[in-house]
Amino acid sequence: MVVQHLEQAGVDELEAALGRNVRSRRINAGLTQVELAERANVSLGALRHLEGGAGANTTTLVKVLRALGATGWIDALAPPAAGFSPLAKLAERQRDTARARKGPPRVRKRNRDLPA
């Protein structure tokens, strides 16, 4: 149910959820905001913004996740596309373009089909 809610959530709600999760992980690790900010080499204000869902940049997020030992979250956020091939995508696009230019297949009449 939470996942469905987050799929329909706005940016602000998603940032808040991310911040709550980072804060929870920090507390479970027994760290204060000051300690985590020092370990992650980010400013205390940047960490507070991240935890408060007030927006943060990806550099801050990655540094904090690394300091928490949670870099596995990155794969969960953006898993690699399975079997993506830029060359296959290009070939597919070229085939689609060629088909669109050709139009429907032509039907040839044979001489025997023509009236005499």
N, C-alpha and C. Protein backbone atom coordinates (compact mmCIF):
# COMPACT_ATOMS: atom_id res chain seq x y z
N MET A 1 0.82 -1.18 0.00
CA MET A 1 0.00 0.00 0.00
C MET A 1 0.88 1.26 0.00
N VAL A 2 1.98 1.23 0.76
CA VAL A 2 2.88 2.37 0.81
C VAL A 2 3.51 2.60 -0.56
N VAL A 3 3.88 1.50 -1.24
CA VAL A 3 4.51 1.63 -2.55
C VAL A 3 3.55 2.28 -3.53
N GLN A 4 2.29 1.87 -3.54
CA GLN A 4 1.31 2.48 -4.44
C GLN A 4 1.15 3.95 -4.14
N HIS A 5 1.14 4.30 -2.85
CA HIS A 5 1.02 5.70 -2.47
C HIS A 5 2.21 6.50 -3.00
N LEU A 6 3.41 5.96 -2.87
CA LEU A 6 4.60 6.68 -3.32
C LEU A 6 4.66 6.80 -4.83
N GLU A 7 4.12 5.83 -5.55
CA GLU A 7 4.11 5.90 -7.01
C GLU A 7 3.27 7.06 -7.50
N GLN A 8 2.26 7.45 -6.74
CA GLN A 8 1.38 8.54 -7.12
C GLN A 8 1.74 9.83 -6.40
N ALA A 9 2.78 9.80 -5.56
CA ALA A 9 3.15 10.95 -4.76
C ALA A 9 3.84 12.02 -5.61
N GLY A 10 3.76 13.24 -5.13
CA GLY A 10 4.45 14.33 -5.77
C GLY A 10 5.91 14.36 -5.34
N VAL A 11 6.66 15.25 -5.93
CA VAL A 11 8.09 15.37 -5.64
C VAL A 11 8.31 15.67 -4.16
N ASP A 12 7.54 16.58 -3.60
CA ASP A 12 7.71 16.93 -2.18
C ASP A 12 7.51 15.73 -1.27
N GLU A 13 6.49 14.93 -1.56
CA GLU A 13 6.23 13.74 -0.74
C GLU A 13 7.35 12.72 -0.87
N LEU A 14 7.88 12.56 -2.07
CA LEU A 14 8.97 11.61 -2.28
C LEU A 14 10.24 12.06 -1.57
N GLU A 15 10.53 13.37 -1.63
CA GLU A 15 11.70 13.89 -0.93
C GLU A 15 11.55 13.71 0.58
N ALA A 16 10.35 13.91 1.08
CA ALA A 16 10.09 13.74 2.52
C ALA A 16 10.28 12.27 2.92
N ALA A 17 9.78 11.36 2.11
CA ALA A 17 9.92 9.92 2.39
C ALA A 17 11.40 9.52 2.38
N LEU A 18 12.14 10.02 1.41
CA LEU A 18 13.57 9.73 1.33
C LEU A 18 14.27 10.27 2.57
N GLY A 19 13.95 11.49 2.95
CA GLY A 19 14.55 12.10 4.13
C GLY A 19 14.25 11.31 5.40
N ARG A 20 12.99 10.86 5.54
CA ARG A 20 12.62 10.05 6.72
C ARG A 20 13.43 8.76 6.76
N ASN A 21 13.61 8.14 5.60
CA ASN A 21 14.36 6.88 5.55
C ASN A 21 15.83 7.10 5.90
N VAL A 22 16.42 8.18 5.40
CA VAL A 22 17.82 8.48 5.73
C VAL A 22 17.94 8.75 7.23
N ARG A 23 17.01 9.54 7.77
CA ARG A 23 17.03 9.87 9.20
C ARG A 23 16.90 8.60 10.04
N SER A 24 15.99 7.72 9.65
CA SER A 24 15.80 6.47 10.38
C SER A 24 17.07 5.63 10.38
N ARG A 25 17.71 5.55 9.24
CA ARG A 25 18.95 4.78 9.13
C ARG A 25 20.04 5.39 10.01
N ARG A 26 20.12 6.73 10.02
CA ARG A 26 21.12 7.42 10.85
C ARG A 26 20.88 7.11 12.33
N ILE A 27 19.62 7.20 12.76
CA ILE A 27 19.29 6.94 14.16
C ILE A 27 19.58 5.48 14.52
N ASN A 28 19.25 4.55 13.62
CA ASN A 28 19.54 3.13 13.87
C ASN A 28 21.04 2.86 13.96
N ALA A 29 21.83 3.70 13.27
CA ALA A 29 23.29 3.56 13.34
C ALA A 29 23.84 4.22 14.60
N GLY A 30 22.97 4.90 15.35
CA GLY A 30 23.41 5.54 16.59
C GLY A 30 24.23 6.80 16.37
N LEU A 31 23.96 7.48 15.26
CA LEU A 31 24.72 8.70 14.93
C LEU A 31 23.87 9.94 15.10
N THR A 32 24.51 11.01 15.50
CA THR A 32 23.85 12.31 15.51
C THR A 32 23.99 12.91 14.13
N GLN A 33 23.24 13.97 13.86
CA GLN A 33 23.38 14.65 12.57
C GLN A 33 24.79 15.18 12.40
N VAL A 34 25.36 15.73 13.46
CA VAL A 34 26.73 16.27 13.39
C VAL A 34 27.72 15.17 13.03
N GLU A 35 27.60 14.02 13.68
CA GLU A 35 28.52 12.91 13.42
C GLU A 35 28.40 12.41 11.97
N LEU A 36 27.17 12.25 11.51
CA LEU A 36 26.98 11.78 10.14
C LEU A 36 27.47 12.80 9.13
N ALA A 37 27.20 14.06 9.37
CA ALA A 37 27.67 15.11 8.46
C ALA A 37 29.19 15.08 8.36
N GLU A 38 29.87 14.90 9.50
CA GLU A 38 31.33 14.82 9.48
C GLU A 38 31.82 13.59 8.74
N ARG A 39 31.21 12.44 9.00
CA ARG A 39 31.60 11.20 8.31
C ARG A 39 31.39 11.29 6.80
N ALA A 40 30.28 11.93 6.41
CA ALA A 40 29.93 12.04 5.00
C ALA A 40 30.64 13.20 4.31
N ASN A 41 31.29 14.06 5.11
CA ASN A 41 31.96 15.24 4.57
C ASN A 41 30.97 16.16 3.84
N VAL A 42 29.82 16.38 4.49
CA VAL A 42 28.83 17.32 3.99
C VAL A 42 28.52 18.30 5.12
N SER A 43 27.97 19.42 4.77
CA SER A 43 27.62 20.39 5.80
C SER A 43 26.42 19.89 6.60
N LEU A 44 26.33 20.35 7.84
CA LEU A 44 25.21 19.99 8.68
C LEU A 44 23.90 20.47 8.04
N GLY A 45 23.93 21.65 7.44
CA GLY A 45 22.74 22.18 6.77
C GLY A 45 22.29 21.30 5.62
N ALA A 46 23.26 20.78 4.85
CA ALA A 46 22.90 19.90 3.72
C ALA A 46 22.25 18.63 4.23
N LEU A 47 22.79 18.07 5.32
CA LEU A 47 22.19 16.86 5.89
C LEU A 47 20.80 17.14 6.43
N ARG A 48 20.62 18.29 7.07
CA ARG A 48 19.30 18.65 7.59
C ARG A 48 18.29 18.82 6.46
N HIS A 49 18.74 19.41 5.36
CA HIS A 49 17.85 19.55 4.19
C HIS A 49 17.44 18.17 3.67
N LEU A 50 18.41 17.28 3.56
CA LEU A 50 18.13 15.94 3.06
C LEU A 50 17.14 15.22 3.97
N GLU A 51 17.42 15.21 5.26
CA GLU A 51 16.55 14.51 6.20
C GLU A 51 15.17 15.17 6.33
N GLY A 52 15.13 16.48 6.15
CA GLY A 52 13.87 17.19 6.27
C GLY A 52 13.03 17.16 5.02
N GLY A 53 13.54 16.55 3.96
CA GLY A 53 12.80 16.48 2.70
C GLY A 53 12.72 17.82 2.01
N ALA A 54 13.67 18.70 2.34
CA ALA A 54 13.66 20.05 1.76
C ALA A 54 14.51 20.12 0.51
N GLY A 55 14.88 18.99 -0.02
CA GLY A 55 15.68 18.97 -1.24
C GLY A 55 17.15 18.83 -0.92
N ALA A 56 17.84 18.12 -1.73
CA ALA A 56 19.28 17.93 -1.59
C ALA A 56 19.79 17.53 -2.96
N ASN A 57 21.08 17.74 -3.17
CA ASN A 57 21.62 17.33 -4.46
C ASN A 57 22.09 15.87 -4.40
N THR A 58 22.37 15.31 -5.54
CA THR A 58 22.74 13.89 -5.58
C THR A 58 24.09 13.65 -4.91
N THR A 59 24.99 14.62 -4.95
CA THR A 59 26.29 14.46 -4.30
C THR A 59 26.10 14.27 -2.80
N THR A 60 25.25 15.09 -2.20
CA THR A 60 24.98 14.96 -0.77
C THR A 60 24.37 13.60 -0.47
N LEU A 61 23.40 13.20 -1.27
CA LEU A 61 22.74 11.92 -1.05
C LEU A 61 23.74 10.77 -1.13
N VAL A 62 24.59 10.77 -2.14
CA VAL A 62 25.56 9.68 -2.32
C VAL A 62 26.55 9.66 -1.16
N LYS A 63 27.04 10.82 -0.75
CA LYS A 63 28.00 10.87 0.36
C LYS A 63 27.38 10.35 1.66
N VAL A 64 26.13 10.74 1.91
CA VAL A 64 25.45 10.29 3.13
C VAL A 64 25.19 8.79 3.06
N LEU A 65 24.74 8.29 1.92
CA LEU A 65 24.50 6.85 1.79
C LEU A 65 25.79 6.07 1.98
N ARG A 66 26.89 6.57 1.43
CA ARG A 66 28.18 5.90 1.60
C ARG A 66 28.57 5.87 3.07
N ALA A 67 28.41 6.99 3.77
CA ALA A 67 28.76 7.06 5.19
C ALA A 67 27.89 6.13 6.04
N LEU A 68 26.67 5.89 5.61
CA LEU A 68 25.76 4.99 6.33
C LEU A 68 25.91 3.53 5.90
N GLY A 69 26.76 3.29 4.91
CA GLY A 69 26.91 1.92 4.40
C GLY A 69 25.68 1.46 3.66
N ALA A 70 25.02 2.39 2.99
CA ALA A 70 23.76 2.08 2.31
C ALA A 70 23.82 2.38 0.83
N THR A 71 24.98 2.19 0.21
CA THR A 71 25.08 2.49 -1.22
C THR A 71 24.24 1.55 -2.07
N GLY A 72 23.78 0.45 -1.50
CA GLY A 72 22.87 -0.45 -2.21
C GLY A 72 21.56 0.24 -2.58
N TRP A 73 21.24 1.32 -1.88
CA TRP A 73 20.03 2.09 -2.21
C TRP A 73 20.11 2.64 -3.62
N ILE A 74 21.31 2.92 -4.07
CA ILE A 74 21.46 3.52 -5.40
C ILE A 74 20.93 2.57 -6.46
N ASP A 75 21.24 1.28 -6.34
CA ASP A 75 20.71 0.31 -7.30
C ASP A 75 19.19 0.21 -7.21
N ALA A 76 18.66 0.37 -5.99
CA ALA A 76 17.21 0.33 -5.83
C ALA A 76 16.55 1.56 -6.46
N LEU A 77 17.24 2.69 -6.40
CA LEU A 77 16.69 3.92 -6.98
C LEU A 77 16.74 3.90 -8.50
N ALA A 78 17.81 3.37 -9.04
CA ALA A 78 17.98 3.39 -10.49
C ALA A 78 18.66 2.10 -10.94
N PRO A 79 17.91 0.99 -10.96
CA PRO A 79 18.51 -0.27 -11.40
C PRO A 79 18.89 -0.19 -12.88
N PRO A 80 19.96 -0.86 -13.26
CA PRO A 80 20.36 -0.82 -14.66
C PRO A 80 19.29 -1.45 -15.55
N ALA A 81 19.14 -0.91 -16.72
CA ALA A 81 18.18 -1.45 -17.67
C ALA A 81 18.66 -2.82 -18.13
N ALA A 82 17.78 -3.79 -18.10
CA ALA A 82 18.15 -5.15 -18.49
C ALA A 82 18.27 -5.26 -20.00
N GLY A 83 19.42 -5.69 -20.45
CA GLY A 83 19.63 -5.97 -21.85
C GLY A 83 19.54 -4.77 -22.78
N PHE A 84 19.79 -3.58 -22.30
CA PHE A 84 19.72 -2.41 -23.17
C PHE A 84 20.94 -2.36 -24.07
N SER A 85 20.71 -2.19 -25.35
CA SER A 85 21.78 -2.06 -26.33
C SER A 85 21.50 -0.85 -27.20
N PRO A 86 22.37 0.17 -27.14
CA PRO A 86 22.15 1.34 -27.97
C PRO A 86 22.12 1.00 -29.46
N LEU A 87 22.93 0.04 -29.88
CA LEU A 87 22.96 -0.33 -31.30
C LEU A 87 21.66 -1.01 -31.71
N ALA A 88 21.11 -1.85 -30.85
CA ALA A 88 19.84 -2.50 -31.16
C ALA A 88 18.72 -1.46 -31.23
N LYS A 89 18.76 -0.48 -30.33
CA LYS A 89 17.76 0.58 -30.34
C LYS A 89 17.84 1.40 -31.63
N LEU A 90 19.05 1.70 -32.07
CA LEU A 90 19.25 2.43 -33.32
C LEU A 90 18.72 1.63 -34.51
N ALA A 91 19.02 0.35 -34.56
CA ALA A 91 18.55 -0.50 -35.65
C ALA A 91 17.02 -0.57 -35.66
N GLU A 92 16.42 -0.66 -34.48
CA GLU A 92 14.96 -0.68 -34.38
C GLU A 92 14.37 0.63 -34.91
N ARG A 93 14.97 1.73 -34.54
CA ARG A 93 14.48 3.03 -34.99
C ARG A 93 14.60 3.16 -36.51
N GLN A 94 15.70 2.67 -37.08
CA GLN A 94 15.89 2.73 -38.54
C GLN A 94 14.86 1.86 -39.26
N ARG A 95 14.56 0.68 -38.70
CA ARG A 95 13.54 -0.19 -39.30
C ARG A 95 12.18 0.49 -39.28
N ASP A 96 11.84 1.09 -38.14
CA ASP A 96 10.55 1.77 -38.02
C ASP A 96 10.44 2.93 -39.00
N THR A 97 11.52 3.67 -39.17
CA THR A 97 11.53 4.80 -40.10
C THR A 97 11.37 4.31 -41.54
N ALA A 98 12.07 3.22 -41.89
CA ALA A 98 11.97 2.67 -43.25
C ALA A 98 10.55 2.18 -43.53
N ARG A 99 9.92 1.54 -42.55
CA ARG A 99 8.55 1.06 -42.73
C ARG A 99 7.58 2.22 -42.91
N ALA A 100 7.78 3.27 -42.15
CA ALA A 100 6.88 4.43 -42.22
C ALA A 100 6.98 5.10 -43.58
N ARG A 101 8.17 5.14 -44.15
CA ARG A 101 8.36 5.76 -45.47
C ARG A 101 7.74 4.93 -46.57
N LYS A 102 7.82 3.62 -46.46
CA LYS A 102 7.34 2.74 -47.51
C LYS A 102 5.83 2.79 -47.66
N GLY A 103 5.13 2.85 -46.56
CA GLY A 103 3.69 2.79 -46.61
C GLY A 103 3.22 1.36 -46.71
N PRO A 104 1.97 1.15 -47.07
CA PRO A 104 1.44 -0.21 -47.13
C PRO A 104 2.07 -0.97 -48.31
N PRO A 105 2.14 -2.28 -48.21
CA PRO A 105 2.73 -3.06 -49.31
C PRO A 105 1.88 -2.94 -50.57
N ARG A 106 2.55 -2.92 -51.69
CA ARG A 106 1.86 -2.84 -52.98
C ARG A 106 1.45 -4.22 -53.45
N VAL A 107 0.37 -4.27 -54.19
CA VAL A 107 -0.09 -5.52 -54.76
C VAL A 107 0.07 -5.41 -56.26
N ARG A 108 0.85 -6.31 -56.83
CA ARG A 108 1.05 -6.30 -58.29
C ARG A 108 0.04 -7.22 -58.94
N LYS A 109 -0.47 -6.76 -60.04
CA LYS A 109 -1.36 -7.63 -60.81
C LYS A 109 -0.52 -8.32 -61.87
N ARG A 110 -0.77 -9.57 -62.00
CA ARG A 110 -0.05 -10.34 -63.02
C ARG A 110 -0.82 -10.20 -64.33
N ASN A 111 -0.13 -10.46 -65.40
CA ASN A 111 -0.75 -10.35 -66.72
C ASN A 111 -1.99 -11.23 -66.84
N ARG A 112 -1.94 -12.39 -66.26
CA ARG A 112 -3.07 -13.29 -66.38
C ARG A 112 -4.29 -12.78 -65.62
N ASP A 113 -4.06 -11.86 -64.63
CA ASP A 113 -5.16 -11.33 -63.87
C ASP A 113 -5.84 -10.17 -64.60
N LEU A 114 -5.17 -9.62 -65.61
CA LEU A 114 -5.72 -8.49 -66.32
C LEU A 114 -6.73 -8.97 -67.38
N PRO A 115 -7.79 -8.20 -67.61
CA PRO A 115 -8.75 -8.61 -68.66
C PRO A 115 -8.10 -8.49 -70.04
N ALA A 116 -8.49 -9.35 -70.93
CA ALA A 116 -7.90 -9.38 -72.25
C ALA A 116 -8.51 -8.38 -73.20
